[in-house]
PDB file of N, CA and C in Angstrom:
ATOM      1  N   MET A   1     -52.150  44.816 107.595  1.00  0.00           N
ATOM      2  CA  MET A   1     -51.107  43.698 107.625  1.00  0.00           C
ATOM      3  C   MET A   1     -51.585  42.827 109.193  1.00  0.00           C
ATOM      4  N   LEU A   2     -51.212  41.267 108.218  1.00  0.00           N
ATOM      5  CA  LEU A   2     -51.269  40.556 109.109  1.00  0.00           C
ATOM      6  C   LEU A   2     -50.520  39.580 110.130  1.00  0.00           C
ATOM      7  N   HIS A   3     -51.090  39.591 111.363  1.00  0.00           N
ATOM      8  CA  HIS A   3     -49.696  38.824 112.217  1.00  0.00           C
ATOM      9  C   HIS A   3     -50.216  37.589 112.886  1.00  0.00           C
ATOM     10  N   ASP A   4     -49.128  36.963 113.183  1.00  0.00           N
ATOM     11  CA  ASP A   4     -49.715  35.704 113.721  1.00  0.00           C
ATOM     12  C   ASP A   4     -49.239  35.298 115.073  1.00  0.00           C
ATOM     13  N   VAL A   5     -49.936  34.803 116.625  1.00  0.00           N
ATOM     14  CA  VAL A   5     -49.630  34.948 117.633  1.00  0.00           C
ATOM     15  C   VAL A   5     -48.731  34.208 117.863  1.00  0.00           C
ATOM     16  N   THR A   6     -47.598  33.678 118.561  1.00  0.00           N
ATOM     17  CA  THR A   6     -46.612  32.456 118.391  1.00  0.00           C
ATOM     18  C   THR A   6     -46.316  32.923 120.463  1.00  0.00           C
ATOM     19  N   ASP A   7     -46.121  32.157 120.828  1.00  0.00           N
ATOM     20  CA  ASP A   7     -45.527  32.249 122.417  1.00  0.00           C
ATOM     21  C   ASP A   7     -44.491  33.206 122.640  1.00  0.00           C
ATOM     22  N   GLU A   8     -43.724  33.823 121.700  1.00  0.00           N
ATOM     23  CA  GLU A   8     -43.065  35.109 121.696  1.00  0.00           C
ATOM     24  C   GLU A   8     -43.534  36.262 121.666  1.00  0.00           C
ATOM     25  N   ASP A   9     -44.916  36.289 121.517  1.00  0.00           N
ATOM     26  CA  ASP A   9     -45.785  37.224 121.120  1.00  0.00           C
ATOM     27  C   ASP A   9     -46.417  37.432 122.564  1.00  0.00           C
ATOM     28  N   THR A  10     -46.668  36.562 123.879  1.00  0.00           N
ATOM     29  CA  THR A  10     -47.199  36.560 124.484  1.00  0.00           C
ATOM     30  C   THR A  10     -46.954  37.283 125.782  1.00  0.00           C
ATOM     31  N   ALA A  11     -48.290  37.963 126.310  1.00  0.00           N
ATOM     32  CA  ALA A  11     -47.565  38.455 127.398  1.00  0.00           C
ATOM     33  C   ALA A  11     -47.064  38.108 128.733  1.00  0.00           C
ATOM     34  N   ILE A  12     -46.298  36.535 128.929  1.00  0.00           N
ATOM     35  CA  ILE A  12     -45.691  35.770 129.364  1.00  0.00           C
ATOM     36  C   ILE A  12     -43.938  36.424 129.124  1.00  0.00           C
ATOM     37  N   ALA A  13     -44.067  35.963 127.859  1.00  0.00           N
ATOM     38  CA  ALA A  13     -42.617  36.334 127.122  1.00  0.00           C
ATOM     39  C   ALA A  13     -42.395  37.530 127.202  1.00  0.00           C
ATOM     40  N   LEU A  14     -43.185  38.594 127.498  1.00  0.00           N
ATOM     41  CA  LEU A  14     -43.104  40.276 127.188  1.00  0.00           C
ATOM     42  C   LEU A  14     -42.801  40.881 128.398  1.00  0.00           C
ATOM     43  N   GLY A  15     -43.350  40.084 129.555  1.00  0.00           N
ATOM     44  CA  GLY A  15     -43.547  40.801 130.874  1.00  0.00           C
ATOM     45  C   GLY A  15     -44.379  41.021 131.077  1.00  0.00           C
ATOM     46  N   SER A  16     -45.656  41.476 130.432  1.00  0.00           N
ATOM     47  CA  SER A  16     -46.401  42.570 131.074  1.00  0.00           C
ATOM     48  C   SER A  16     -47.803  41.774 131.695  1.00  0.00           C
ATOM     49  N   GLY A  17     -47.067  40.549 132.146  1.00  0.00           N
ATOM     50  CA  GLY A  17     -48.294  39.364 132.486  1.00  0.00           C
ATOM     51  C   GLY A  17     -48.114  38.405 132.596  1.00  0.00           C
ATOM     52  N   ASP A  18     -49.092  37.057 132.822  1.00  0.00           N
ATOM     53  CA  ASP A  18     -49.141  35.563 133.039  1.00  0.00           C
ATOM     54  C   ASP A  18     -49.910  35.077 132.503  1.00  0.00           C
ATOM     55  N   VAL A  19     -50.455  35.333 131.728  1.00  0.00           N
ATOM     56  CA  VAL A  19     -51.462  34.795 130.720  1.00  0.00           C
ATOM     57  C   VAL A  19     -50.715  33.946 129.696  1.00  0.00           C
ATOM     58  N   ALA A  20     -50.886  33.360 128.181  1.00  0.00           N
ATOM     59  CA  ALA A  20     -50.391  32.919 127.252  1.00  0.00           C
ATOM     60  C   ALA A  20     -51.349  33.665 126.688  1.00  0.00           C
ATOM     61  N   VAL A  21     -51.588  34.852 126.527  1.00  0.00           N
ATOM     62  CA  VAL A  21     -52.399  35.430 125.306  1.00  0.00           C
ATOM     63  C   VAL A  21     -51.474  36.599 124.726  1.00  0.00           C
ATOM     64  N   LEU A  22     -51.493  36.835 123.704  1.00  0.00           N
ATOM     65  CA  LEU A  22     -50.928  38.212 122.810  1.00  0.00           C
ATOM     66  C   LEU A  22     -51.101  39.628 123.792  1.00  0.00           C
ATOM     67  N   GLY A  23     -49.559  39.809 124.235  1.00  0.00           N
ATOM     68  CA  GLY A  23     -49.769  40.969 124.909  1.00  0.00           C
ATOM     69  C   GLY A  23     -49.819  42.282 124.443  1.00  0.00           C
ATOM     70  N   THR A  24     -50.531  43.096 124.908  1.00  0.00           N
ATOM     71  CA  THR A  24     -50.705  44.642 125.095  1.00  0.00           C
ATOM     72  C   THR A  24     -49.094  45.417 124.437  1.00  0.00           C
ATOM     73  N   PRO A  25     -48.319  44.827 124.730  1.00  0.00           N
ATOM     74  CA  PRO A  25     -46.502  45.300 123.867  1.00  0.00           C
ATOM     75  C   PRO A  25     -46.525  45.309 122.503  1.00  0.00           C
ATOM     76  N   ARG A  26     -46.970  43.879 122.826  1.00  0.00           N
ATOM     77  CA  ARG A  26     -46.751  43.523 121.192  1.00  0.00           C
ATOM     78  C   ARG A  26     -48.436  44.188 119.532  1.00  0.00           C
ATOM     79  N   LEU A  27     -49.060  43.813 121.103  1.00  0.00           N
ATOM     80  CA  LEU A  27     -50.443  44.368 119.368  1.00  0.00           C
ATOM     81  C   LEU A  27     -49.849  46.327 120.162  1.00  0.00           C
ATOM     82  N   VAL A  28     -49.564  46.771 120.270  1.00  0.00           N
ATOM     83  CA  VAL A  28     -48.973  48.349 120.356  1.00  0.00           C
ATOM     84  C   VAL A  28     -48.152  48.203 119.303  1.00  0.00           C
ATOM     85  N   ALA A  29     -46.855  47.011 119.437  1.00  0.00           N
ATOM     86  CA  ALA A  29     -45.764  47.272 118.001  1.00  0.00           C
ATOM     87  C   ALA A  29     -46.521  47.101 116.684  1.00  0.00           C
ATOM     88  N   TRP A  30     -47.440  46.392 116.885  1.00  0.00           N
ATOM     89  CA  TRP A  30     -48.312  45.616 114.783  1.00  0.00           C
ATOM     90  C   TRP A  30     -48.929  46.923 114.955  1.00  0.00           C
ATOM     91  N   LEU A  31     -49.557  47.891 116.235  1.00  0.00           N
ATOM     92  CA  LEU A  31     -50.592  48.597 115.602  1.00  0.00           C
ATOM     93  C   LEU A  31     -49.611  49.955 115.164  1.00  0.00           C
ATOM     94  N   GLU A  32     -48.343  49.878 115.793  1.00  0.00           N
ATOM     95  CA  GLU A  32     -47.438  51.690 115.291  1.00  0.00           C
ATOM     96  C   GLU A  32     -47.127  51.323 114.298  1.00  0.00           C
ATOM     97  N   ALA A  33     -46.379  49.969 113.669  1.00  0.00           N
ATOM     98  CA  ALA A  33     -46.086  49.112 112.512  1.00  0.00           C
ATOM     99  C   ALA A  33     -47.047  49.972 111.356  1.00  0.00           C
ATOM    100  N   ALA A  34     -48.118  49.428 111.581  1.00  0.00           N
ATOM    101  CA  ALA A  34     -49.911  49.527 110.098  1.00  0.00           C
ATOM    102  C   ALA A  34     -48.605  51.395 110.553  1.00  0.00           C
ATOM    103  N   THR A  35     -49.147  52.575 111.520  1.00  0.00           N
ATOM    104  CA  THR A  35     -49.096  53.537 111.142  1.00  0.00           C
ATOM    105  C   THR A  35     -47.665  53.893 110.382  1.00  0.00           C
ATOM    106  N   VAL A  36     -46.653  53.617 110.608  1.00  0.00           N
ATOM    107  CA  VAL A  36     -45.741  53.518 109.418  1.00  0.00           C
ATOM    108  C   VAL A  36     -45.483  53.458 107.971  1.00  0.00           C
ATOM    109  N   ALA A  37     -46.082  52.194 107.603  1.00  0.00           N
ATOM    110  CA  ALA A  37     -46.397  52.104 106.524  1.00  0.00           C
ATOM    111  C   ALA A  37     -47.703  52.879 105.653  1.00  0.00           C
ATOM    112  N   THR A  38     -48.392  52.952 106.522  1.00  0.00           N
ATOM    113  CA  THR A  38     -49.453  54.798 106.533  1.00  0.00           C
ATOM    114  C   THR A  38     -48.804  55.671 105.971  1.00  0.00           C
ATOM    115  N   ALA A  39     -48.063  56.405 106.739  1.00  0.00           N
ATOM    116  CA  ALA A  39     -47.589  57.004 107.270  1.00  0.00           C
ATOM    117  C   ALA A  39     -46.353  57.303 105.465  1.00  0.00           C
ATOM    118  N   GLU A  40     -45.831  56.232 105.238  1.00  0.00           N
ATOM    119  CA  GLU A  40     -44.675  56.280 104.360  1.00  0.00           C
ATOM    120  C   GLU A  40     -44.632  57.090 103.132  1.00  0.00           C
ATOM    121  N   PRO A  41     -45.898  56.295 102.483  1.00  0.00           N
ATOM    122  CA  PRO A  41     -46.311  57.253 101.011  1.00  0.00           C
ATOM    123  C   PRO A  41     -46.619  58.943 101.128  1.00  0.00           C
ATOM    124  N   LEU A  42     -46.896  59.232 102.650  1.00  0.00           N
ATOM    125  CA  LEU A  42     -47.197  60.733 102.367  1.00  0.00           C
ATOM    126  C   LEU A  42     -45.755  61.489 103.307  1.00  0.00           C
ATOM    127  N   LEU A  43     -44.678  60.061 102.721  1.00  0.00           N
ATOM    128  CA  LEU A  43     -42.889  61.655 103.087  1.00  0.00           C
ATOM    129  C   LEU A  43     -42.263  61.921 101.822  1.00  0.00           C
ATOM    130  N   ASP A  44     -41.926  62.724 102.276  1.00  0.00           N
ATOM    131  CA  ASP A  44     -40.602  63.031 100.913  1.00  0.00           C
ATOM    132  C   ASP A  44     -38.958  62.319 101.003  1.00  0.00           C
ATOM    133  N   GLU A  45     -38.446  61.782 100.527  1.00  0.00           N
ATOM    134  CA  GLU A  45     -37.399  61.446 100.455  1.00  0.00           C
ATOM    135  C   GLU A  45     -36.182  62.285 101.537  1.00  0.00           C
ATOM    136  N   GLY A  46     -35.827  60.648 102.454  1.00  0.00           N
ATOM    137  CA  GLY A  46     -34.970  61.162 103.003  1.00  0.00           C
ATOM    138  C   GLY A  46     -36.398  61.532 105.003  1.00  0.00           C
ATOM    139  N   ARG A  47     -37.120  61.450 105.410  1.00  0.00           N
ATOM    140  CA  ARG A  47     -37.914  61.642 106.218  1.00  0.00           C
ATOM    141  C   ARG A  47     -38.157  60.037 106.650  1.00  0.00           C
ATOM    142  N   THR A  48     -38.787  60.737 107.576  1.00  0.00           N
ATOM    143  CA  THR A  48     -39.299  59.306 108.648  1.00  0.00           C
ATOM    144  C   THR A  48     -40.559  59.686 109.370  1.00  0.00           C
ATOM    145  N   THR A  49     -41.165  58.678 110.425  1.00  0.00           N
ATOM    146  CA  THR A  49     -41.798  59.278 110.771  1.00  0.00           C
ATOM    147  C   THR A  49     -41.063  58.586 112.742  1.00  0.00           C
ATOM    148  N   VAL A  50     -41.692  59.179 113.642  1.00  0.00           N
ATOM    149  CA  VAL A  50     -41.367  58.398 114.843  1.00  0.00           C
ATOM    150  C   VAL A  50     -42.577  58.652 115.859  1.00  0.00           C
ATOM    151  N   GLY A  51     -42.608  57.849 116.805  1.00  0.00           N
ATOM    152  CA  GLY A  51     -44.124  58.170 117.622  1.00  0.00           C
ATOM    153  C   GLY A  51     -43.843  58.900 118.859  1.00  0.00           C
ATOM    154  N   THR A  52     -45.149  59.246 119.047  1.00  0.00           N
ATOM    155  CA  THR A  52     -45.249  60.365 120.296  1.00  0.00           C
ATOM    156  C   THR A  52     -46.439  60.404 121.062  1.00  0.00           C
ATOM    157  N   ALA A  53     -47.154  59.392 121.112  1.00  0.00           N
ATOM    158  CA  ALA A  53     -48.178  59.113 122.375  1.00  0.00           C
ATOM    159  C   ALA A  53     -48.760  57.519 121.430  1.00  0.00           C
ATOM    160  N   VAL A  54     -49.701  56.897 122.384  1.00  0.00           N
ATOM    161  CA  VAL A  54     -50.250  56.147 122.370  1.00  0.00           C
ATOM    162  C   VAL A  54     -51.458  56.055 123.215  1.00  0.00           C
ATOM    163  N   ARG A  55     -52.456  56.432 122.514  1.00  0.00           N
ATOM    164  CA  ARG A  55     -53.801  55.519 123.141  1.00  0.00           C
ATOM    165  C   ARG A  55     -54.647  54.439 122.414  1.00  0.00           C
ATOM    166  N   VAL A  56     -54.326  53.536 123.364  1.00  0.00           N
ATOM    167  CA  VAL A  56     -54.559  52.135 122.933  1.00  0.00           C
ATOM    168  C   VAL A  56     -55.829  51.012 123.758  1.00  0.00           C
ATOM    169  N   LYS A  57     -56.554  50.615 123.513  1.00  0.00           N
ATOM    170  CA  LYS A  57     -57.487  49.726 124.288  1.00  0.00           C
ATOM    171  C   LYS A  57     -57.301  48.169 123.701  1.00  0.00           C
ATOM    172  N   HIS A  58     -56.719  48.246 124.957  1.00  0.00           N
ATOM    173  CA  HIS A  58     -56.561  45.803 124.274  1.00  0.00           C
ATOM    174  C   HIS A  58     -57.837  45.382 124.453  1.00  0.00           C
ATOM    175  N   ARG A  59     -58.623  45.221 124.516  1.00  0.00           N
ATOM    176  CA  ARG A  59     -60.480  45.045 124.324  1.00  0.00           C
ATOM    177  C   ARG A  59     -60.880  43.293 124.039  1.00  0.00           C
ATOM    178  N   ARG A  60     -59.690  42.539 123.714  1.00  0.00           N
ATOM    179  CA  ARG A  60     -59.944  41.204 123.555  1.00  0.00           C
ATOM    180  C   ARG A  60     -58.761  40.223 123.422  1.00  0.00           C
ATOM    181  N   PRO A  61     -58.876  38.845 124.318  1.00  0.00           N
ATOM    182  CA  PRO A  61     -57.690  38.016 124.412  1.00  0.00           C
ATOM    183  C   PRO A  61     -57.458  37.359 122.675  1.00  0.00           C
ATOM    184  N   THR A  62     -56.197  37.401 122.686  1.00  0.00           N
ATOM    185  CA  THR A  62     -56.028  36.629 121.510  1.00  0.00           C
ATOM    186  C   THR A  62     -54.882  34.878 121.598  1.00  0.00           C
ATOM    187  N   LEU A  63     -55.203  34.500 122.187  1.00  0.00           N
ATOM    188  CA  LEU A  63     -54.272  32.154 122.079  1.00  0.00           C
ATOM    189  C   LEU A  63     -52.865  32.883 121.083  1.00  0.00           C
ATOM    190  N   VAL A  64     -51.826  31.466 121.474  1.00  0.00           N
ATOM    191  CA  VAL A  64     -51.129  31.614 120.561  1.00  0.00           C
ATOM    192  C   VAL A  64     -52.021  30.882 119.359  1.00  0.00           C
ATOM    193  N   GLY A  65     -51.610  30.787 117.832  1.00  0.00           N
ATOM    194  CA  GLY A  65     -52.326  30.627 117.260  1.00  0.00           C
ATOM    195  C   GLY A  65     -53.299  31.695 116.676  1.00  0.00           C
ATOM    196  N   GLY A  66     -53.684  32.390 117.173  1.00  0.00           N
ATOM    197  CA  GLY A  66     -54.614  33.363 116.186  1.00  0.00           C
ATOM    198  C   GLY A  66     -53.749  34.030 115.054  1.00  0.00           C
ATOM    199  N   THR A  67     -54.817  35.484 114.664  1.00  0.00           N
ATOM    200  CA  THR A  67     -54.475  35.946 114.284  1.00  0.00           C
ATOM    201  C   THR A  67     -54.484  37.401 114.126  1.00  0.00           C
ATOM    202  N   ILE A  68     -54.012  37.931 114.144  1.00  0.00           N
ATOM    203  CA  ILE A  68     -53.974  39.728 114.149  1.00  0.00           C
ATOM    204  C   ILE A  68     -53.651  40.420 113.139  1.00  0.00           C
ATOM    205  N   GLY A  69     -55.168  41.143 112.275  1.00  0.00           N
ATOM    206  CA  GLY A  69     -54.947  41.726 111.588  1.00  0.00           C
ATOM    207  C   GLY A  69     -54.974  43.575 111.686  1.00  0.00           C
ATOM    208  N   CYS A  70     -54.158  43.970 111.548  1.00  0.00           N
ATOM    209  CA  CYS A  70     -54.183  45.549 111.842  1.00  0.00           C
ATOM    210  C   CYS A  70     -53.629  46.270 110.676  1.00  0.00           C
ATOM    211  N   THR A  71     -54.656  47.100 111.173  1.00  0.00           N
ATOM    212  CA  THR A  71     -54.559  48.544 110.090  1.00  0.00           C
ATOM    213  C   THR A  71     -54.593  50.449 110.545  1.00  0.00           C
ATOM    214  N   ALA A  72     -54.243  50.860 110.227  1.00  0.00           N
ATOM    215  CA  ALA A  72     -54.077  52.679 110.789  1.00  0.00           C
ATOM    216  C   ALA A  72     -54.912  53.779 109.417  1.00  0.00           C
ATOM    217  N   GLU A  73     -55.227  54.537 109.653  1.00  0.00           N
ATOM    218  CA  GLU A  73     -55.960  55.592 108.911  1.00  0.00           C
ATOM    219  C   GLU A  73     -55.719  56.580 109.620  1.00  0.00           C
ATOM    220  N   VAL A  74     -55.314  57.730 108.585  1.00  0.00           N
ATOM    221  CA  VAL A  74     -54.803  59.302 109.281  1.00  0.00           C
ATOM    222  C   VAL A  74     -55.733  59.540 109.277  1.00  0.00           C
ATOM    223  N   THR A  75     -56.383  60.375 110.594  1.00  0.00           N
ATOM    224  CA  THR A  75     -57.043  60.970 110.863  1.00  0.00           C
ATOM    225  C   THR A  75     -56.817  62.315 110.903  1.00  0.00           C
ATOM    226  N   SER A  76     -55.987  63.097 110.827  1.00  0.00           N
ATOM    227  CA  SER A  76     -55.072  64.212 110.707  1.00  0.00           C
ATOM    228  C   SER A  76     -53.500  64.457 110.153  1.00  0.00           C
ATOM    229  N   GLY A  77     -53.329  65.409 109.927  1.00  0.00           N
ATOM    230  CA  GLY A  77     -52.346  66.038 109.739  1.00  0.00           C
ATOM    231  C   GLY A  77     -52.006  65.353 107.873  1.00  0.00           C
ATOM    232  N   PRO A  78     -50.669  64.948 107.505  1.00  0.00           N
ATOM    233  CA  PRO A  78     -49.533  66.403 108.560  1.00  0.00           C
ATOM    234  C   PRO A  78     -49.876  67.734 108.800  1.00  0.00           C
ATOM    235  N   ASP A  79     -49.402  67.982 109.960  1.00  0.00           N
ATOM    236  CA  ASP A  79     -49.872  69.518 109.833  1.00  0.00           C
ATOM    237  C   ASP A  79     -48.516  70.604 109.488  1.00  0.00           C
ATOM    238  N   GLU A  80     -48.257  71.536 110.369  1.00  0.00           N
ATOM    239  CA  GLU A  80     -47.339  72.403 109.346  1.00  0.00           C
ATOM    240  C   GLU A  80     -46.217  71.901 110.618  1.00  0.00           C
ATOM    241  N   LYS A  81     -46.457  71.407 111.682  1.00  0.00           N
ATOM    242  CA  LYS A  81     -45.574  70.868 112.474  1.00  0.00           C
ATOM    243  C   LYS A  81     -44.815  69.410 112.365  1.00  0.00           C
ATOM    244  N   GLY A  82     -45.357  68.866 111.008  1.00  0.00           N
ATOM    245  CA  GLY A  82     -45.209  67.226 110.791  1.00  0.00           C
ATOM    246  C   GLY A  82     -45.956  66.518 111.339  1.00  0.00           C
ATOM    247  N   ARG A  83     -46.693  66.570 112.589  1.00  0.00           N
ATOM    248  CA  ARG A  83     -47.755  66.193 113.371  1.00  0.00           C
ATOM    249  C   ARG A  83     -48.527  65.024 112.534  1.00  0.00           C
ATOM    250  N   ILE A  84     -48.616  64.223 112.903  1.00  0.00           N
ATOM    251  CA  ILE A  84     -49.622  63.047 111.567  1.00  0.00           C
ATOM    252  C   ILE A  84     -50.468  62.104 113.488  1.00  0.00           C
ATOM    253  N   THR A  85     -52.053  62.129 113.221  1.00  0.00           N
ATOM    254  CA  THR A  85     -52.476  61.377 114.085  1.00  0.00           C
ATOM    255  C   THR A  85     -53.516  60.426 113.361  1.00  0.00           C
ATOM    256  N   PHE A  86     -53.538  59.019 113.744  1.00  0.00           N
ATOM    257  CA  PHE A  86     -53.983  57.826 113.013  1.00  0.00           C
ATOM    258  C   PHE A  86     -55.031  56.916 113.666  1.00  0.00           C
ATOM    259  N   ALA A  87     -56.205  56.492 113.476  1.00  0.00           N
ATOM    260  CA  ALA A  87     -57.040  55.632 114.046  1.00  0.00           C
ATOM    261  C   ALA A  87     -56.047  54.294 113.984  1.00  0.00           C
ATOM    262  N   VAL A  88     -56.369  53.339 115.042  1.00  0.00           N
ATOM    263  CA  VAL A  88     -55.537  52.376 114.774  1.00  0.00           C
ATOM    264  C   VAL A  88     -56.825  51.184 115.173  1.00  0.00           C
ATOM    265  N   ARG A  89     -56.954  50.429 114.060  1.00  0.00           N
ATOM    266  CA  ARG A  89     -57.455  48.823 115.164  1.00  0.00           C
ATOM    267  C   ARG A  89     -56.987  47.514 114.744  1.00  0.00           C
ATOM    268  N   ALA A  90     -56.799  46.933 115.723  1.00  0.00           N
ATOM    269  CA  ALA A  90     -56.414  45.106 115.279  1.00  0.00           C
ATOM    270  C   ALA A  90     -58.195  44.228 115.346  1.00  0.00           C
ATOM    271  N   VAL A  91     -57.601  43.739 114.255  1.00  0.00           N
ATOM    272  CA  VAL A  91     -59.424  42.834 114.405  1.00  0.00           C
ATOM    273  C   VAL A  91     -58.552  41.298 114.748  1.00  0.00           C
ATOM    274  N   ASP A  92     -59.090  40.235 114.941  1.00  0.00           N
ATOM    275  CA  ASP A  92     -58.832  38.861 115.445  1.00  0.00           C
ATOM    276  C   ASP A  92     -58.965  38.400 114.201  1.00  0.00           C
ATOM    277  N   GLY A  93     -58.596  37.011 114.113  1.00  0.00           N
ATOM    278  CA  GLY A  93     -59.109  35.863 113.202  1.00  0.00           C
ATOM    279  C   GLY A  93     -60.704  35.868 113.082  1.00  0.00           C
ATOM    280  N   GLU A  94     -61.123  35.901 114.118  1.00  0.00           N
ATOM    281  CA  GLU A  94     -62.590  35.600 114.455  1.00  0.00           C
ATOM    282  C   GLU A  94     -63.417  36.604 113.901  1.00  0.00           C
ATOM    283  N   GLY A  95     -63.000  37.985 113.310  1.00  0.00           N
ATOM    284  CA  GLY A  95     -63.410  39.284 112.620  1.00  0.00           C
ATOM    285  C   GLY A  95     -64.097  40.431 114.274  1.00  0.00           C
ATOM    286  N   GLN A  96     -63.412  39.902 115.609  1.00  0.00           N
ATOM    287  CA  GLN A  96     -63.917  40.623 116.581  1.00  0.00           C
ATOM    288  C   GLN A  96     -62.571  41.774 116.626  1.00  0.00           C
ATOM    289  N   VAL A  97     -63.048  43.689 116.898  1.00  0.00           N
ATOM    290  CA  VAL A  97     -61.958  44.055 117.679  1.00  0.00           C
ATOM    291  C   VAL A  97     -61.154  43.935 119.036  1.00  0.00           C
ATOM    292  N   ALA A  98     -59.871  43.304 118.546  1.00  0.00           N
ATOM    293  CA  ALA A  98     -59.029  42.723 119.463  1.00  0.00           C
ATOM    294  C   ALA A  98     -58.442  44.348 120.568  1.00  0.00           C
ATOM    295  N   GLY A  99     -57.965  45.113 119.542  1.00  0.00           N
ATOM    296  CA  GLY A  99     -57.821  46.750 120.396  1.00  0.00           C
ATOM    297  C   GLY A  99     -58.332  47.795 119.315  1.00  0.00           C
ATOM    298  N   GLU A 100     -58.185  48.961 119.826  1.00  0.00           N
ATOM    299  CA  GLU A 100     -58.282  49.990 118.887  1.00  0.00           C
ATOM    300  C   GLU A 100     -57.963  51.445 119.280  1.00  0.00           C
ATOM    301  N   GLY A 101     -57.690  52.536 118.959  1.00  0.00           N
ATOM    302  CA  GLY A 101     -57.512  53.352 119.710  1.00  0.00           C
ATOM    303  C   GLY A 101     -56.822  54.425 118.877  1.00  0.00           C
ATOM    304  N   GLU A 102     -55.715  55.493 118.870  1.00  0.00           N
ATOM    305  CA  GLU A 102     -55.179  56.638 118.660  1.00  0.00           C
ATOM    306  C   GLU A 102     -53.700  56.345 118.400  1.00  0.00           C
ATOM    307  N   ILE A 103     -52.800  57.291 117.648  1.00  0.00           N
ATOM    308  CA  ILE A 103     -51.328  57.286 117.412  1.00  0.00           C
ATOM    309  C   ILE A 103     -50.783  58.225 117.047  1.00  0.00           C
ATOM    310  N   ASP A 104     -49.623  58.989 117.647  1.00  0.00           N
ATOM    311  CA  ASP A 104     -49.497  59.858 116.873  1.00  0.00           C
ATOM    312  C   ASP A 104     -47.807  59.729 116.626  1.00  0.00           C
ATOM    313  N   ARG A 105     -47.795  60.529 115.724  1.00  0.00           N
ATOM    314  CA  ARG A 105     -46.675  60.133 115.332  1.00  0.00           C
ATOM    315  C   ARG A 105     -46.023  61.977 114.642  1.00  0.00           C
ATOM    316  N   VAL A 106     -44.711  62.243 114.709  1.00  0.00           N
ATOM    317  CA  VAL A 106     -44.431  62.778 113.960  1.00  0.00           C
ATOM    318  C   VAL A 106     -43.458  62.990 112.938  1.00  0.00           C
ATOM    319  N   VAL A 107     -43.181  64.263 111.969  1.00  0.00           N
ATOM    320  CA  VAL A 107     -42.318  63.576 110.836  1.00  0.00           C
ATOM    321  C   VAL A 107     -41.054  64.368 110.823  1.00  0.00           C
ATOM    322  N   VAL A 108     -40.355  63.606 110.826  1.00  0.00           N
ATOM    323  CA  VAL A 108     -38.542  63.692 111.100  1.00  0.00           C
ATOM    324  C   VAL A 108     -37.569  63.862 110.192  1.00  0.00           C
ATOM    325  N   ASP A 109     -36.281  64.447 110.201  1.00  0.00           N
ATOM    326  CA  ASP A 109     -35.141  63.978 109.359  1.00  0.00           C
ATOM    327  C   ASP A 109     -34.667  62.988 109.567  1.00  0.00           C
ATOM    328  N   ARG A 110     -34.918  61.635 108.864  1.00  0.00           N
ATOM    329  CA  ARG A 110     -34.207  60.272 109.123  1.00  0.00           C
ATOM    330  C   ARG A 110     -32.412  60.843 109.189  1.00  0.00           C
ATOM    331  N   GLY A 111     -32.222  61.679 109.091  1.00  0.00           N
ATOM    332  CA  GLY A 111     -30.046  62.145 108.916  1.00  0.00           C
ATOM    333  C   GLY A 111     -29.996  62.661 110.424  1.00  0.00           C
ATOM    334  N   ALA A 112     -31.049  62.872 111.593  1.00  0.00           N
ATOM    335  CA  ALA A 112     -30.828  63.132 112.210  1.00  0.00           C
ATOM    336  C   ALA A 112     -30.388  61.865 113.523  1.00  0.00           C
ATOM    337  N   PHE A 113     -31.313  60.972 113.064  1.00  0.00           N
ATOM    338  CA  PHE A 113     -30.728  59.196 113.709  1.00  0.00           C
ATOM    339  C   PHE A 113     -30.066  59.036 113.443  1.00  0.00           C
ATOM    340  N   GLY A 114     -28.773  59.519 112.418  1.00  0.00           N
ATOM    341  CA  GLY A 114     -27.930  58.621 112.669  1.00  0.00           C
ATOM    342  C   GLY A 114     -28.174  57.371 110.661  1.00  0.00           C
ATOM    343  N   THR A 115     -29.308  57.637 110.101  1.00  0.00           N
ATOM    344  CA  THR A 115     -29.639  56.513 109.259  1.00  0.00           C
ATOM    345  C   THR A 115     -30.098  57.025 107.634  1.00  0.00           C
TER     346      THR A 115
END
């Protein structure tokens, strides 16, 4: 998943800092979106996943106008309780790792959330 960094994605806009670079909350959201997309083909109809843990290091600043490509790979699961762990990585337009880590999700019934 490729994302363009805009003013709305900065630490200033998100309230997570006072510089005009990609904010960590947005980076984590983009990485989570990658896990959702990666999990989708593994799920039965009526099922979805919800996030349960995030362990991400934001390693490099990305300026407004830059790009970030996010990937997620299943490293374990789904297990008998529906837990899935993903290795996640964000690479900037210069080919440098901007962030990486792990995200855990669990499979749930979509209907339990009224959707």
